[in-house]
Amino acid sequence: MIGLGRFGSSLALELVAHGTEVMAIDSDPKLVQRHADHLTHAAVADSTDAEVMRQLGVDEFQRAVVGIGTDLEASILTTAVLVDFGIPTIWAKAISHEHRRILERIGAHRVVLPEHEMGERVAHLVTGRMLDFIEFEDDYAMIKARPPEEAIGQPLGQSKLRSKYGVTVVGVKRAGEGFTYATADTVVNRGDVLIVAGKTAEVERLADLT
C-alpha cells in the first residue's frame, strides 16, 4: 500500500483486518508512525525512487495499490515504477478522469476514483428510490429496492419483470429473514427487499416504479 492518506490507510487497515499482510509506504513520517502498530510492515520512503523501492522488496510483491491522490507527479511516477517491476496486479487511485487515463496508459491494471464513485452511488440513494446501488463495468448495476406494485402477491415468473424491464431479480429478503435466491416460483410480498441486476438504465427504470 503506497500512500497512507484517508483512502490508503482505510484500505490497508481493512486488508489487515481480513488477514492480509500489508506493507505500507509513505513519504510522511507522521503518517507512517500513526499506522505502523496496526500494519504488518510500514516504511518511510520515496516511492518514486525505484532503487529505494527495490531495497524494500516491493518488486517481489504480487499486488500493489497506489493510494497517492493529490500529488499527481508522485502518483504517476510511483505507478510507473511498479509497472517497470512487472508487478502482476496494480491498483491505483485517481482524482479525475484525466488522471485515470494517464494511469491506465502507464499500465495500472485497475484505477478507481473513490470520491466520484461514492458521489455517484449516493446520488442514486438520496432520491429514496433505491436502498443500495452498485455499478459495475459496461454500464451494469445491481440494486436493492422495494418491489413495484405490479409484482406484489405474484410469483416472479408471472409478473414477468425480466421480460418487461430487462432486469433479473437475483434475491429476495423478507423481514426477519436472510436473503434467498429468487426463482420463477418466488412470490413477492409487500415489504420485501429485492436484489435486482441489469443495465443501469433498466434497473433505474424499475426503481422508479417503487
N, C-alpha and C. Protein backbone atom coordinates (compact mmCIF):
# COMPACT_ATOMS: atom_id res chain seq x y z
N MET A 1 0.85 -1.18 0.00
CA MET A 1 0.00 0.00 0.00
C MET A 1 0.89 1.23 0.00
N ILE A 2 0.82 2.01 -1.05
CA ILE A 2 1.69 3.19 -1.16
C ILE A 2 0.82 4.44 -1.03
N GLY A 3 1.04 5.17 0.05
CA GLY A 3 0.23 6.34 0.34
C GLY A 3 -0.72 6.04 1.48
N LEU A 4 -0.53 6.74 2.61
CA LEU A 4 -1.34 6.47 3.79
C LEU A 4 -2.27 7.64 4.14
N GLY A 5 -2.84 8.23 3.13
CA GLY A 5 -3.88 9.23 3.37
C GLY A 5 -5.16 8.52 3.80
N ARG A 6 -6.28 9.20 3.72
CA ARG A 6 -7.53 8.59 4.18
C ARG A 6 -7.87 7.32 3.42
N PHE A 7 -7.74 7.37 2.10
CA PHE A 7 -8.05 6.20 1.28
C PHE A 7 -7.07 5.06 1.57
N GLY A 8 -5.78 5.35 1.50
CA GLY A 8 -4.77 4.32 1.67
C GLY A 8 -4.78 3.69 3.05
N SER A 9 -4.89 4.51 4.08
CA SER A 9 -4.87 3.96 5.44
C SER A 9 -6.12 3.12 5.71
N SER A 10 -7.28 3.59 5.24
CA SER A 10 -8.51 2.82 5.43
C SER A 10 -8.43 1.47 4.74
N LEU A 11 -7.92 1.47 3.51
CA LEU A 11 -7.80 0.22 2.75
C LEU A 11 -6.80 -0.71 3.41
N ALA A 12 -5.65 -0.17 3.82
CA ALA A 12 -4.62 -1.00 4.44
C ALA A 12 -5.12 -1.64 5.73
N LEU A 13 -5.79 -0.87 6.57
CA LEU A 13 -6.30 -1.39 7.84
C LEU A 13 -7.40 -2.43 7.61
N GLU A 14 -8.21 -2.21 6.60
CA GLU A 14 -9.27 -3.18 6.29
C GLU A 14 -8.67 -4.49 5.79
N LEU A 15 -7.62 -4.41 4.98
CA LEU A 15 -6.96 -5.61 4.49
C LEU A 15 -6.34 -6.40 5.63
N VAL A 16 -5.70 -5.69 6.56
CA VAL A 16 -5.10 -6.35 7.73
C VAL A 16 -6.18 -7.03 8.56
N ALA A 17 -7.32 -6.36 8.71
CA ALA A 17 -8.43 -6.91 9.50
C ALA A 17 -8.96 -8.20 8.89
N HIS A 18 -8.77 -8.34 7.56
CA HIS A 18 -9.21 -9.56 6.88
C HIS A 18 -8.09 -10.58 6.72
N GLY A 19 -6.99 -10.37 7.44
CA GLY A 19 -5.93 -11.36 7.47
C GLY A 19 -4.89 -11.24 6.39
N THR A 20 -4.84 -10.12 5.68
CA THR A 20 -3.85 -9.92 4.62
C THR A 20 -2.64 -9.18 5.17
N GLU A 21 -1.44 -9.68 4.84
CA GLU A 21 -0.23 -8.98 5.24
C GLU A 21 -0.04 -7.75 4.35
N VAL A 22 0.22 -6.62 4.97
CA VAL A 22 0.32 -5.37 4.22
C VAL A 22 1.61 -4.64 4.55
N MET A 23 2.36 -4.29 3.51
CA MET A 23 3.48 -3.36 3.67
C MET A 23 2.99 -1.99 3.21
N ALA A 24 3.12 -1.00 4.08
CA ALA A 24 2.67 0.36 3.75
C ALA A 24 3.87 1.28 3.62
N ILE A 25 3.82 2.15 2.61
CA ILE A 25 4.91 3.08 2.35
C ILE A 25 4.33 4.49 2.19
N ASP A 26 4.97 5.44 2.85
CA ASP A 26 4.58 6.84 2.68
C ASP A 26 5.81 7.71 2.94
N SER A 27 5.85 8.87 2.30
CA SER A 27 6.98 9.77 2.50
C SER A 27 6.83 10.62 3.76
N ASP A 28 5.66 10.58 4.38
CA ASP A 28 5.39 11.37 5.59
C ASP A 28 5.62 10.52 6.84
N PRO A 29 6.65 10.81 7.62
CA PRO A 29 6.95 10.00 8.82
C PRO A 29 5.78 9.98 9.81
N LYS A 30 5.05 11.09 9.91
CA LYS A 30 3.95 11.14 10.87
C LYS A 30 2.84 10.14 10.52
N LEU A 31 2.53 10.03 9.23
CA LEU A 31 1.50 9.09 8.80
C LEU A 31 1.95 7.65 9.03
N VAL A 32 3.20 7.38 8.74
CA VAL A 32 3.74 6.02 8.94
C VAL A 32 3.71 5.68 10.43
N GLN A 33 4.14 6.59 11.26
CA GLN A 33 4.16 6.35 12.70
C GLN A 33 2.75 6.13 13.25
N ARG A 34 1.77 6.86 12.71
CA ARG A 34 0.40 6.76 13.19
C ARG A 34 -0.19 5.38 12.96
N HIS A 35 0.20 4.75 11.85
CA HIS A 35 -0.42 3.47 11.50
C HIS A 35 0.50 2.27 11.65
N ALA A 36 1.76 2.49 11.99
CA ALA A 36 2.75 1.40 12.00
C ALA A 36 2.35 0.24 12.89
N ASP A 37 1.78 0.51 14.06
CA ASP A 37 1.45 -0.56 15.01
C ASP A 37 0.32 -1.46 14.51
N HIS A 38 -0.43 -0.99 13.52
CA HIS A 38 -1.59 -1.76 13.06
C HIS A 38 -1.34 -2.47 11.73
N LEU A 39 -0.17 -2.26 11.14
CA LEU A 39 0.13 -2.86 9.85
C LEU A 39 1.25 -3.88 9.97
N THR A 40 1.35 -4.77 9.00
CA THR A 40 2.39 -5.80 9.03
C THR A 40 3.78 -5.18 8.95
N HIS A 41 3.96 -4.28 8.00
CA HIS A 41 5.22 -3.54 7.84
C HIS A 41 4.87 -2.12 7.42
N ALA A 42 5.67 -1.16 7.85
CA ALA A 42 5.46 0.23 7.43
C ALA A 42 6.82 0.90 7.28
N ALA A 43 6.97 1.69 6.23
CA ALA A 43 8.27 2.32 5.97
C ALA A 43 8.09 3.73 5.44
N VAL A 44 9.02 4.60 5.83
CA VAL A 44 9.08 5.95 5.28
C VAL A 44 10.02 5.90 4.08
N ALA A 45 9.51 6.23 2.91
CA ALA A 45 10.34 6.12 1.70
C ALA A 45 9.75 6.95 0.58
N ASP A 46 10.62 7.27 -0.39
CA ASP A 46 10.21 7.96 -1.60
C ASP A 46 9.81 6.90 -2.62
N SER A 47 8.51 6.76 -2.84
CA SER A 47 8.02 5.68 -3.70
C SER A 47 8.32 5.91 -5.17
N THR A 48 8.80 7.10 -5.54
CA THR A 48 9.16 7.35 -6.93
C THR A 48 10.58 6.91 -7.25
N ASP A 49 11.34 6.50 -6.22
CA ASP A 49 12.73 6.07 -6.39
C ASP A 49 12.76 4.55 -6.52
N ALA A 50 13.03 4.07 -7.72
CA ALA A 50 12.98 2.64 -7.99
C ALA A 50 13.96 1.86 -7.13
N GLU A 51 15.15 2.41 -6.90
CA GLU A 51 16.16 1.69 -6.13
C GLU A 51 15.73 1.53 -4.68
N VAL A 52 15.16 2.59 -4.12
CA VAL A 52 14.66 2.52 -2.73
C VAL A 52 13.55 1.48 -2.63
N MET A 53 12.66 1.49 -3.59
CA MET A 53 11.54 0.53 -3.59
C MET A 53 12.06 -0.91 -3.73
N ARG A 54 13.10 -1.07 -4.54
CA ARG A 54 13.67 -2.40 -4.71
C ARG A 54 14.31 -2.88 -3.41
N GLN A 55 14.97 -1.97 -2.69
CA GLN A 55 15.59 -2.32 -1.41
C GLN A 55 14.55 -2.75 -0.37
N LEU A 56 13.36 -2.19 -0.50
CA LEU A 56 12.27 -2.58 0.41
C LEU A 56 11.60 -3.89 -0.02
N GLY A 57 11.99 -4.40 -1.16
CA GLY A 57 11.42 -5.66 -1.65
C GLY A 57 10.09 -5.52 -2.36
N VAL A 58 9.75 -4.30 -2.74
CA VAL A 58 8.46 -4.07 -3.39
C VAL A 58 8.35 -4.84 -4.71
N ASP A 59 9.46 -5.01 -5.40
CA ASP A 59 9.45 -5.71 -6.69
C ASP A 59 9.07 -7.18 -6.56
N GLU A 60 9.03 -7.71 -5.33
CA GLU A 60 8.69 -9.12 -5.13
C GLU A 60 7.21 -9.33 -4.81
N PHE A 61 6.47 -8.24 -4.65
CA PHE A 61 5.05 -8.37 -4.32
C PHE A 61 4.22 -8.72 -5.55
N GLN A 62 3.09 -9.40 -5.31
CA GLN A 62 2.18 -9.78 -6.39
C GLN A 62 1.11 -8.73 -6.64
N ARG A 63 0.81 -7.94 -5.60
CA ARG A 63 -0.23 -6.91 -5.71
C ARG A 63 0.25 -5.62 -5.08
N ALA A 64 -0.09 -4.52 -5.69
CA ALA A 64 0.28 -3.21 -5.13
C ALA A 64 -0.86 -2.23 -5.37
N VAL A 65 -1.03 -1.32 -4.42
CA VAL A 65 -2.04 -0.28 -4.54
C VAL A 65 -1.37 1.08 -4.37
N VAL A 66 -1.58 1.96 -5.33
CA VAL A 66 -1.07 3.32 -5.23
C VAL A 66 -2.22 4.21 -4.75
N GLY A 67 -2.13 4.62 -3.50
CA GLY A 67 -3.20 5.42 -2.92
C GLY A 67 -2.89 6.89 -2.89
N ILE A 68 -1.86 7.32 -3.61
CA ILE A 68 -1.48 8.74 -3.66
C ILE A 68 -2.50 9.48 -4.50
N GLY A 69 -3.04 10.57 -3.96
CA GLY A 69 -4.07 11.28 -4.70
C GLY A 69 -3.65 12.65 -5.19
N THR A 70 -3.41 13.59 -4.27
CA THR A 70 -3.22 14.98 -4.66
C THR A 70 -1.90 15.26 -5.37
N ASP A 71 -0.86 14.49 -5.08
CA ASP A 71 0.43 14.69 -5.74
C ASP A 71 0.44 13.85 -7.02
N LEU A 72 -0.01 14.47 -8.11
CA LEU A 72 -0.16 13.72 -9.36
C LEU A 72 1.15 13.17 -9.87
N GLU A 73 2.22 13.97 -9.75
CA GLU A 73 3.52 13.51 -10.24
C GLU A 73 3.97 12.27 -9.49
N ALA A 74 3.84 12.29 -8.17
CA ALA A 74 4.25 11.13 -7.37
C ALA A 74 3.38 9.92 -7.70
N SER A 75 2.09 10.14 -7.91
CA SER A 75 1.18 9.05 -8.27
C SER A 75 1.60 8.40 -9.58
N ILE A 76 1.88 9.22 -10.57
CA ILE A 76 2.24 8.72 -11.90
C ILE A 76 3.60 8.02 -11.88
N LEU A 77 4.59 8.66 -11.25
CA LEU A 77 5.93 8.08 -11.22
C LEU A 77 5.96 6.79 -10.41
N THR A 78 5.21 6.75 -9.30
CA THR A 78 5.16 5.53 -8.49
C THR A 78 4.53 4.38 -9.27
N THR A 79 3.45 4.68 -9.98
CA THR A 79 2.79 3.65 -10.79
C THR A 79 3.75 3.15 -11.86
N ALA A 80 4.51 4.06 -12.47
CA ALA A 80 5.48 3.67 -13.49
C ALA A 80 6.55 2.74 -12.92
N VAL A 81 7.00 3.02 -11.70
CA VAL A 81 8.00 2.16 -11.04
C VAL A 81 7.44 0.75 -10.86
N LEU A 82 6.21 0.66 -10.41
CA LEU A 82 5.58 -0.65 -10.19
C LEU A 82 5.41 -1.42 -11.50
N VAL A 83 5.04 -0.69 -12.55
CA VAL A 83 4.89 -1.32 -13.87
C VAL A 83 6.24 -1.84 -14.35
N ASP A 84 7.30 -1.06 -14.17
CA ASP A 84 8.64 -1.49 -14.57
C ASP A 84 9.09 -2.73 -13.79
N PHE A 85 8.62 -2.85 -12.54
CA PHE A 85 8.95 -4.03 -11.74
C PHE A 85 8.22 -5.27 -12.26
N GLY A 86 7.17 -5.07 -13.04
CA GLY A 86 6.40 -6.21 -13.55
C GLY A 86 5.45 -6.80 -12.53
N ILE A 87 5.01 -6.00 -11.57
CA ILE A 87 4.06 -6.50 -10.56
C ILE A 87 2.77 -6.91 -11.27
N PRO A 88 2.28 -8.12 -11.01
CA PRO A 88 1.14 -8.66 -11.77
C PRO A 88 -0.16 -7.87 -11.65
N THR A 89 -0.43 -7.32 -10.46
CA THR A 89 -1.69 -6.60 -10.26
C THR A 89 -1.42 -5.26 -9.59
N ILE A 90 -1.74 -4.19 -10.30
CA ILE A 90 -1.52 -2.84 -9.77
C ILE A 90 -2.84 -2.09 -9.76
N TRP A 91 -3.26 -1.68 -8.57
CA TRP A 91 -4.43 -0.82 -8.40
C TRP A 91 -3.91 0.59 -8.14
N ALA A 92 -4.65 1.58 -8.61
CA ALA A 92 -4.24 2.96 -8.37
C ALA A 92 -5.46 3.84 -8.16
N LYS A 93 -5.30 4.83 -7.30
CA LYS A 93 -6.35 5.81 -7.05
C LYS A 93 -6.13 7.01 -7.97
N ALA A 94 -7.23 7.49 -8.55
CA ALA A 94 -7.18 8.71 -9.37
C ALA A 94 -8.13 9.74 -8.78
N ILE A 95 -7.85 11.01 -9.05
CA ILE A 95 -8.72 12.06 -8.54
C ILE A 95 -9.50 12.75 -9.66
N SER A 96 -9.28 12.32 -10.89
CA SER A 96 -10.02 12.87 -12.03
C SER A 96 -9.99 11.86 -13.16
N HIS A 97 -10.86 12.05 -14.13
CA HIS A 97 -10.89 11.14 -15.28
C HIS A 97 -9.59 11.25 -16.09
N GLU A 98 -9.02 12.47 -16.17
CA GLU A 98 -7.76 12.64 -16.89
C GLU A 98 -6.64 11.88 -16.18
N HIS A 99 -6.62 11.98 -14.86
CA HIS A 99 -5.63 11.25 -14.06
C HIS A 99 -5.78 9.75 -14.29
N ARG A 100 -7.01 9.28 -14.31
CA ARG A 100 -7.25 7.85 -14.54
C ARG A 100 -6.72 7.41 -15.90
N ARG A 101 -6.97 8.21 -16.93
CA ARG A 101 -6.49 7.84 -18.27
C ARG A 101 -4.98 7.72 -18.32
N ILE A 102 -4.30 8.63 -17.63
CA ILE A 102 -2.83 8.57 -17.61
C ILE A 102 -2.36 7.30 -16.91
N LEU A 103 -2.95 7.01 -15.77
CA LEU A 103 -2.54 5.81 -15.01
C LEU A 103 -2.80 4.54 -15.81
N GLU A 104 -3.91 4.50 -16.53
CA GLU A 104 -4.22 3.33 -17.35
C GLU A 104 -3.23 3.20 -18.51
N ARG A 105 -2.85 4.32 -19.10
CA ARG A 105 -1.89 4.27 -20.21
C ARG A 105 -0.51 3.83 -19.73
N ILE A 106 -0.15 4.22 -18.53
CA ILE A 106 1.13 3.80 -17.97
C ILE A 106 1.17 2.30 -17.77
N GLY A 107 0.01 1.73 -17.38
CA GLY A 107 -0.03 0.29 -17.18
C GLY A 107 -0.72 -0.18 -15.91
N ALA A 108 -1.37 0.74 -15.16
CA ALA A 108 -2.14 0.30 -13.98
C ALA A 108 -3.27 -0.62 -14.45
N HIS A 109 -3.46 -1.72 -13.74
CA HIS A 109 -4.45 -2.70 -14.17
C HIS A 109 -5.87 -2.29 -13.78
N ARG A 110 -6.01 -1.59 -12.67
CA ARG A 110 -7.33 -1.14 -12.22
C ARG A 110 -7.19 0.22 -11.57
N VAL A 111 -7.99 1.17 -12.02
CA VAL A 111 -7.94 2.53 -11.48
C VAL A 111 -9.30 2.88 -10.91
N VAL A 112 -9.32 3.40 -9.69
CA VAL A 112 -10.57 3.78 -9.05
C VAL A 112 -10.59 5.28 -8.76
N LEU A 113 -11.77 5.84 -8.79
CA LEU A 113 -11.98 7.24 -8.41
C LEU A 113 -12.94 7.23 -7.22
N PRO A 114 -12.44 7.03 -6.01
CA PRO A 114 -13.30 6.82 -4.84
C PRO A 114 -14.33 7.92 -4.63
N GLU A 115 -13.90 9.19 -4.72
CA GLU A 115 -14.83 10.29 -4.46
C GLU A 115 -15.93 10.33 -5.53
N HIS A 116 -15.53 10.17 -6.79
CA HIS A 116 -16.50 10.21 -7.88
C HIS A 116 -17.48 9.04 -7.76
N GLU A 117 -16.95 7.84 -7.51
CA GLU A 117 -17.80 6.66 -7.45
C GLU A 117 -18.75 6.72 -6.26
N MET A 118 -18.26 7.22 -5.12
CA MET A 118 -19.13 7.35 -3.96
C MET A 118 -20.20 8.41 -4.20
N GLY A 119 -19.82 9.51 -4.84
CA GLY A 119 -20.80 10.55 -5.15
C GLY A 119 -21.89 10.03 -6.07
N GLU A 120 -21.50 9.24 -7.06
CA GLU A 120 -22.46 8.67 -7.99
C GLU A 120 -23.40 7.71 -7.27
N ARG A 121 -22.84 6.92 -6.36
CA ARG A 121 -23.67 5.96 -5.62
C ARG A 121 -24.66 6.67 -4.72
N VAL A 122 -24.19 7.68 -3.98
CA VAL A 122 -25.06 8.42 -3.07
C VAL A 122 -26.16 9.14 -3.84
N ALA A 123 -25.83 9.63 -5.03
CA ALA A 123 -26.83 10.32 -5.85
C ALA A 123 -28.00 9.41 -6.16
N HIS A 124 -27.72 8.12 -6.37
CA HIS A 124 -28.80 7.17 -6.65
C HIS A 124 -29.61 6.88 -5.40
N LEU A 125 -28.99 6.96 -4.22
CA LEU A 125 -29.67 6.60 -2.98
C LEU A 125 -30.45 7.76 -2.39
N VAL A 126 -29.96 8.98 -2.63
CA VAL A 126 -30.54 10.16 -1.99
C VAL A 126 -31.99 10.38 -2.41
N THR A 127 -32.37 9.91 -3.60
CA THR A 127 -33.74 10.07 -4.08
C THR A 127 -34.71 9.19 -3.32
N GLY A 128 -34.19 8.16 -2.64
CA GLY A 128 -35.05 7.27 -1.87
C GLY A 128 -35.64 6.12 -2.66
N ARG A 129 -35.36 6.07 -3.97
CA ARG A 129 -35.94 5.01 -4.79
C ARG A 129 -35.23 3.67 -4.55
N MET A 130 -33.94 3.74 -4.23
CA MET A 130 -33.15 2.52 -4.03
C MET A 130 -32.63 2.47 -2.60
N LEU A 131 -32.44 1.24 -2.11
CA LEU A 131 -31.86 1.05 -0.79
C LEU A 131 -30.35 0.90 -0.88
N ASP A 132 -29.88 0.49 -2.04
CA ASP A 132 -28.44 0.41 -2.29
C ASP A 132 -28.23 0.34 -3.80
N PHE A 133 -27.04 0.75 -4.23
CA PHE A 133 -26.74 0.80 -5.66
C PHE A 133 -25.26 0.53 -5.86
N ILE A 134 -24.93 -0.42 -6.71
CA ILE A 134 -23.54 -0.71 -7.06
C ILE A 134 -23.47 -0.84 -8.58
N GLU A 135 -22.61 -0.02 -9.19
CA GLU A 135 -22.45 -0.08 -10.65
C GLU A 135 -21.15 -0.75 -10.99
N PHE A 136 -21.20 -1.65 -11.97
CA PHE A 136 -20.04 -2.37 -12.44
C PHE A 136 -19.62 -1.83 -13.80
N GLU A 137 -18.67 -2.48 -14.42
CA GLU A 137 -18.23 -2.05 -15.74
C GLU A 137 -19.32 -2.32 -16.78
N ASP A 138 -19.16 -1.68 -17.93
CA ASP A 138 -20.06 -1.90 -19.06
C ASP A 138 -21.50 -1.51 -18.73
N ASP A 139 -21.66 -0.45 -17.88
CA ASP A 139 -22.98 0.09 -17.60
C ASP A 139 -23.93 -0.96 -17.03
N TYR A 140 -23.42 -1.78 -16.12
CA TYR A 140 -24.21 -2.83 -15.48
C TYR A 140 -24.27 -2.54 -14.00
N ALA A 141 -25.45 -2.72 -13.38
CA ALA A 141 -25.60 -2.36 -11.97
C ALA A 141 -26.42 -3.39 -11.23
N MET A 142 -26.29 -3.36 -9.90
CA MET A 142 -27.10 -4.18 -9.02
C MET A 142 -27.66 -3.28 -7.94
N ILE A 143 -28.96 -3.41 -7.66
CA ILE A 143 -29.58 -2.54 -6.67
C ILE A 143 -30.38 -3.35 -5.65
N LYS A 144 -30.61 -2.71 -4.50
CA LYS A 144 -31.59 -3.20 -3.54
C LYS A 144 -32.77 -2.23 -3.61
N ALA A 145 -33.97 -2.76 -3.76
CA ALA A 145 -35.14 -1.89 -3.88
C ALA A 145 -36.39 -2.62 -3.42
N ARG A 146 -37.41 -1.85 -3.07
CA ARG A 146 -38.71 -2.42 -2.77
C ARG A 146 -39.36 -2.89 -4.08
N PRO A 147 -40.23 -3.87 -4.01
CA PRO A 147 -40.85 -4.37 -5.25
C PRO A 147 -41.88 -3.38 -5.80
N PRO A 148 -42.00 -3.30 -7.11
CA PRO A 148 -43.06 -2.46 -7.69
C PRO A 148 -44.43 -3.07 -7.38
N GLU A 149 -45.43 -2.24 -7.37
CA GLU A 149 -46.78 -2.67 -7.01
C GLU A 149 -47.25 -3.83 -7.87
N GLU A 150 -46.90 -3.80 -9.15
CA GLU A 150 -47.39 -4.84 -10.07
C GLU A 150 -46.84 -6.23 -9.78
N ALA A 151 -45.75 -6.30 -8.98
CA ALA A 151 -45.16 -7.61 -8.69
C ALA A 151 -45.62 -8.20 -7.38
N ILE A 152 -46.27 -7.41 -6.56
CA ILE A 152 -46.65 -7.86 -5.21
C ILE A 152 -47.76 -8.91 -5.27
N GLY A 153 -47.55 -10.00 -4.52
CA GLY A 153 -48.54 -11.07 -4.44
C GLY A 153 -48.47 -12.06 -5.57
N GLN A 154 -47.46 -11.93 -6.44
CA GLN A 154 -47.36 -12.83 -7.59
C GLN A 154 -46.00 -13.53 -7.61
N PRO A 155 -45.93 -14.73 -8.20
CA PRO A 155 -44.62 -15.33 -8.45
C PRO A 155 -43.87 -14.50 -9.48
N LEU A 156 -42.56 -14.46 -9.39
CA LEU A 156 -41.76 -13.66 -10.32
C LEU A 156 -41.98 -14.09 -11.77
N GLY A 157 -42.18 -15.38 -11.97
CA GLY A 157 -42.42 -15.86 -13.33
C GLY A 157 -43.69 -15.32 -13.93
N GLN A 158 -44.65 -14.99 -13.06
CA GLN A 158 -45.93 -14.47 -13.54
C GLN A 158 -45.88 -12.96 -13.75
N SER A 159 -45.16 -12.25 -12.88
CA SER A 159 -45.10 -10.78 -13.02
C SER A 159 -44.22 -10.35 -14.19
N LYS A 160 -43.34 -11.26 -14.64
CA LYS A 160 -42.53 -11.05 -15.85
C LYS A 160 -41.72 -9.76 -15.82
N LEU A 161 -41.10 -9.45 -14.68
CA LEU A 161 -40.27 -8.25 -14.58
C LEU A 161 -39.10 -8.31 -15.56
N ARG A 162 -38.61 -9.51 -15.77
CA ARG A 162 -37.45 -9.65 -16.66
C ARG A 162 -37.81 -9.29 -18.10
N SER A 163 -38.90 -9.79 -18.59
CA SER A 163 -39.27 -9.51 -19.99
C SER A 163 -39.77 -8.08 -20.17
N LYS A 164 -40.39 -7.52 -19.13
CA LYS A 164 -40.92 -6.16 -19.23
C LYS A 164 -39.83 -5.10 -19.11
N TYR A 165 -38.89 -5.33 -18.18
CA TYR A 165 -37.92 -4.27 -17.87
C TYR A 165 -36.47 -4.65 -18.16
N GLY A 166 -36.25 -5.89 -18.58
CA GLY A 166 -34.89 -6.30 -18.93
C GLY A 166 -33.97 -6.50 -17.74
N VAL A 167 -34.55 -6.75 -16.55
CA VAL A 167 -33.75 -6.93 -15.34
C VAL A 167 -33.94 -8.34 -14.79
N THR A 168 -33.03 -8.76 -13.94
CA THR A 168 -33.12 -10.06 -13.29
C THR A 168 -33.20 -9.87 -11.78
N VAL A 169 -34.24 -10.44 -11.16
CA VAL A 169 -34.34 -10.43 -9.70
C VAL A 169 -33.48 -11.59 -9.19
N VAL A 170 -32.38 -11.23 -8.53
CA VAL A 170 -31.40 -12.22 -8.09
C VAL A 170 -31.78 -12.82 -6.75
N GLY A 171 -32.29 -11.97 -5.84
CA GLY A 171 -32.61 -12.46 -4.50
C GLY A 171 -33.73 -11.67 -3.88
N VAL A 172 -34.30 -12.25 -2.82
CA VAL A 172 -35.40 -11.61 -2.09
C VAL A 172 -35.13 -11.73 -0.60
N LYS A 173 -35.42 -10.65 0.12
CA LYS A 173 -35.26 -10.66 1.58
C LYS A 173 -36.57 -10.25 2.22
N ARG A 174 -37.04 -11.10 3.13
CA ARG A 174 -38.24 -10.77 3.89
C ARG A 174 -37.84 -10.33 5.28
N ALA A 175 -38.68 -9.53 5.91
CA ALA A 175 -38.40 -9.00 7.25
C ALA A 175 -38.11 -10.14 8.22
N GLY A 176 -36.98 -10.02 8.93
CA GLY A 176 -36.62 -11.03 9.92
C GLY A 176 -35.97 -12.26 9.34
N GLU A 177 -35.78 -12.30 8.03
CA GLU A 177 -35.15 -13.45 7.38
C GLU A 177 -33.95 -13.00 6.57
N GLY A 178 -33.12 -13.97 6.18
CA GLY A 178 -31.97 -13.66 5.34
C GLY A 178 -32.37 -13.64 3.88
N PHE A 179 -31.42 -13.24 3.01
CA PHE A 179 -31.68 -13.25 1.58
C PHE A 179 -31.76 -14.68 1.06
N THR A 180 -32.66 -14.91 0.12
CA THR A 180 -32.76 -16.20 -0.56
C THR A 180 -32.69 -15.95 -2.06
N TYR A 181 -32.14 -16.92 -2.79
CA TYR A 181 -32.09 -16.78 -4.24
C TYR A 181 -33.51 -16.79 -4.80
N ALA A 182 -33.74 -15.96 -5.79
CA ALA A 182 -35.06 -15.86 -6.39
C ALA A 182 -35.21 -16.86 -7.53
N THR A 183 -36.39 -17.43 -7.64
CA THR A 183 -36.73 -18.32 -8.76
C THR A 183 -38.04 -17.83 -9.37
N ALA A 184 -38.43 -18.45 -10.45
CA ALA A 184 -39.69 -18.06 -11.10
C ALA A 184 -40.89 -18.29 -10.18
N ASP A 185 -40.74 -19.20 -9.20
CA ASP A 185 -41.84 -19.52 -8.29
C ASP A 185 -41.86 -18.64 -7.04
N THR A 186 -40.84 -17.80 -6.87
CA THR A 186 -40.78 -16.95 -5.67
C THR A 186 -41.89 -15.91 -5.70
N VAL A 187 -42.73 -15.92 -4.66
CA VAL A 187 -43.81 -14.95 -4.56
C VAL A 187 -43.29 -13.70 -3.83
N VAL A 188 -43.52 -12.56 -4.41
CA VAL A 188 -43.04 -11.29 -3.84
C VAL A 188 -44.13 -10.68 -2.96
N ASN A 189 -43.76 -10.36 -1.72
CA ASN A 189 -44.71 -9.76 -0.77
C ASN A 189 -44.41 -8.29 -0.56
N ARG A 190 -45.41 -7.57 -0.14
CA ARG A 190 -45.21 -6.17 0.21
C ARG A 190 -44.23 -6.10 1.39
N GLY A 191 -43.28 -5.21 1.32
CA GLY A 191 -42.28 -5.10 2.38
C GLY A 191 -41.02 -5.89 2.11
N ASP A 192 -41.04 -6.76 1.08
CA ASP A 192 -39.83 -7.48 0.70
C ASP A 192 -38.80 -6.51 0.14
N VAL A 193 -37.55 -6.93 0.17
CA VAL A 193 -36.46 -6.20 -0.49
C VAL A 193 -35.94 -7.08 -1.61
N LEU A 194 -35.84 -6.52 -2.80
CA LEU A 194 -35.35 -7.28 -3.96
C LEU A 194 -33.91 -6.89 -4.28
N ILE A 195 -33.13 -7.87 -4.68
CA ILE A 195 -31.82 -7.63 -5.29
C ILE A 195 -32.02 -7.78 -6.78
N VAL A 196 -31.80 -6.69 -7.51
CA VAL A 196 -32.09 -6.67 -8.94
C VAL A 196 -30.84 -6.30 -9.72
N ALA A 197 -30.57 -7.03 -10.80
CA ALA A 197 -29.39 -6.78 -11.62
C ALA A 197 -29.80 -6.51 -13.06
N GLY A 198 -29.01 -5.68 -13.73
CA GLY A 198 -29.28 -5.39 -15.14
C GLY A 198 -28.54 -4.15 -15.59
N LYS A 199 -28.82 -3.71 -16.80
CA LYS A 199 -28.24 -2.47 -17.30
C LYS A 199 -28.66 -1.33 -16.37
N THR A 200 -27.74 -0.38 -16.17
CA THR A 200 -28.00 0.71 -15.23
C THR A 200 -29.32 1.41 -15.51
N ALA A 201 -29.57 1.76 -16.76
CA ALA A 201 -30.81 2.48 -17.10
C ALA A 201 -32.04 1.64 -16.81
N GLU A 202 -31.93 0.32 -16.95
CA GLU A 202 -33.09 -0.55 -16.76
C GLU A 202 -33.40 -0.75 -15.27
N VAL A 203 -32.35 -0.89 -14.43
CA VAL A 203 -32.65 -1.03 -13.00
C VAL A 203 -33.16 0.30 -12.44
N GLU A 204 -32.68 1.42 -13.00
CA GLU A 204 -33.19 2.72 -12.57
C GLU A 204 -34.67 2.86 -12.95
N ARG A 205 -35.03 2.34 -14.11
CA ARG A 205 -36.42 2.43 -14.56
C ARG A 205 -37.31 1.60 -13.65
N LEU A 206 -36.83 0.42 -13.23
CA LEU A 206 -37.61 -0.39 -12.30
C LEU A 206 -37.74 0.31 -10.95
N ALA A 207 -36.65 0.91 -10.48
CA ALA A 207 -36.67 1.59 -9.19
C ALA A 207 -37.66 2.75 -9.19
N ASP A 208 -37.87 3.37 -10.35
CA ASP A 208 -38.81 4.48 -10.44
C ASP A 208 -40.24 4.03 -10.16
N LEU A 209 -40.50 2.72 -10.27
CA LEU A 209 -41.85 2.22 -10.05
C LEU A 209 -42.13 1.95 -8.57
N THR A 210 -41.07 1.96 -7.73
CA THR A 210 -41.26 1.59 -6.33
C THR A 210 -41.63 2.79 -5.48
